[in-house]
Structure formats: C-alpha cells, structure tokens
Amino acid sequence: MIIWALMIGSPGNVTTGIQPQLFGYPALGTVSFLLSSVLGLYLVRDIICHGRHR
C-alpha cells in the first residue's frame, strides 16, 4: 500500500517544477519515483522467490 502511494504521488511531485532540480526534474519527485520503483521491484522479486504468488 505504501509503495502504491509513492507511485501515485511521484508524478505530481515531478511536474511541480520546484527547486532543487536533478537532471532537469525536481529532486524530491525524482528520488521518490526511483525509490518507489526499487521498492516495487523488490516486492515483486520477493513474492516470486518465496513462492507466495500461488
């Protein structure tokens, strides 16, 4: 649920144009988007590796 909230909120932070910027995008939005992506991939890997997807 927390990862989902980060993924939904990240695009809103990226489009605001606030400072400081990282690669031309707001740093807060960029970091939260990358964090939610890494956590989401970890969650999928954990579910597949531990057999809880059945």
Protein backbone atom coordinates (compact mmCIF):
# COMPACT_ATOMS: atom_id res chain seq x y z
CA MET A 1 0.00 0.00 0.00
CA ILE A 2 2.85 2.38 0.80
CA ILE A 3 4.64 1.59 -2.47
CA TRP A 4 1.40 2.23 -4.35
CA ALA A 5 1.02 5.61 -2.64
CA LEU A 6 4.58 6.56 -3.58
CA MET A 7 3.97 5.58 -7.21
CA ILE A 8 0.77 7.63 -7.36
CA GLY A 9 2.29 10.68 -5.67
CA SER A 10 5.61 10.78 -7.53
CA PRO A 11 4.32 12.15 -10.86
CA GLY A 12 2.68 15.03 -9.01
CA ASN A 13 5.99 15.93 -7.42
CA VAL A 14 7.85 15.68 -10.74
CA THR A 15 5.56 18.12 -12.56
CA THR A 16 5.67 20.91 -9.96
CA GLY A 17 8.96 22.46 -11.06
CA ILE A 18 10.19 23.17 -7.52
CA GLN A 19 13.86 23.55 -6.62
CA PRO A 20 16.37 21.86 -6.28
CA GLN A 21 16.41 20.04 -9.56
CA LEU A 22 18.09 16.79 -10.53
CA PHE A 23 18.54 16.05 -14.26
CA GLY A 24 16.10 18.88 -15.02
CA TYR A 25 13.34 17.48 -12.81
CA PRO A 26 12.52 18.31 -9.18
CA ALA A 27 14.79 16.28 -6.89
CA LEU A 28 12.01 15.27 -4.49
CA GLY A 29 9.87 13.83 -7.29
CA THR A 30 12.80 12.09 -8.95
CA VAL A 31 14.02 10.47 -5.74
CA SER A 32 10.52 9.37 -4.69
CA PHE A 33 9.87 7.90 -8.14
CA LEU A 34 13.16 5.98 -8.10
CA LEU A 35 12.55 4.80 -4.53
CA SER A 36 9.06 3.54 -5.34
CA SER A 37 10.38 1.76 -8.45
CA VAL A 38 13.14 0.00 -6.49
CA LEU A 39 10.75 -0.99 -3.68
CA GLY A 40 8.18 -2.25 -6.20
CA LEU A 41 10.74 -4.40 -7.99
CA TYR A 42 11.99 -5.74 -4.64
CA LEU A 43 8.44 -6.63 -3.66
CA VAL A 44 7.80 -8.49 -6.93
CA ARG A 45 11.10 -10.36 -6.60
CA ASP A 46 10.36 -11.27 -3.00
CA ILE A 47 6.91 -12.60 -3.89
CA ILE A 48 8.26 -14.70 -6.77
CA CYS A 49 11.31 -16.05 -4.92
CA HIS A 50 9.44 -17.07 -1.81
CA GLY A 51 6.54 -18.72 -3.61
CA ARG A 52 3.80 -16.50 -2.19
CA HIS A 53 2.34 -15.81 -5.62
CA ARG A 54 0.32 -19.05 -5.72
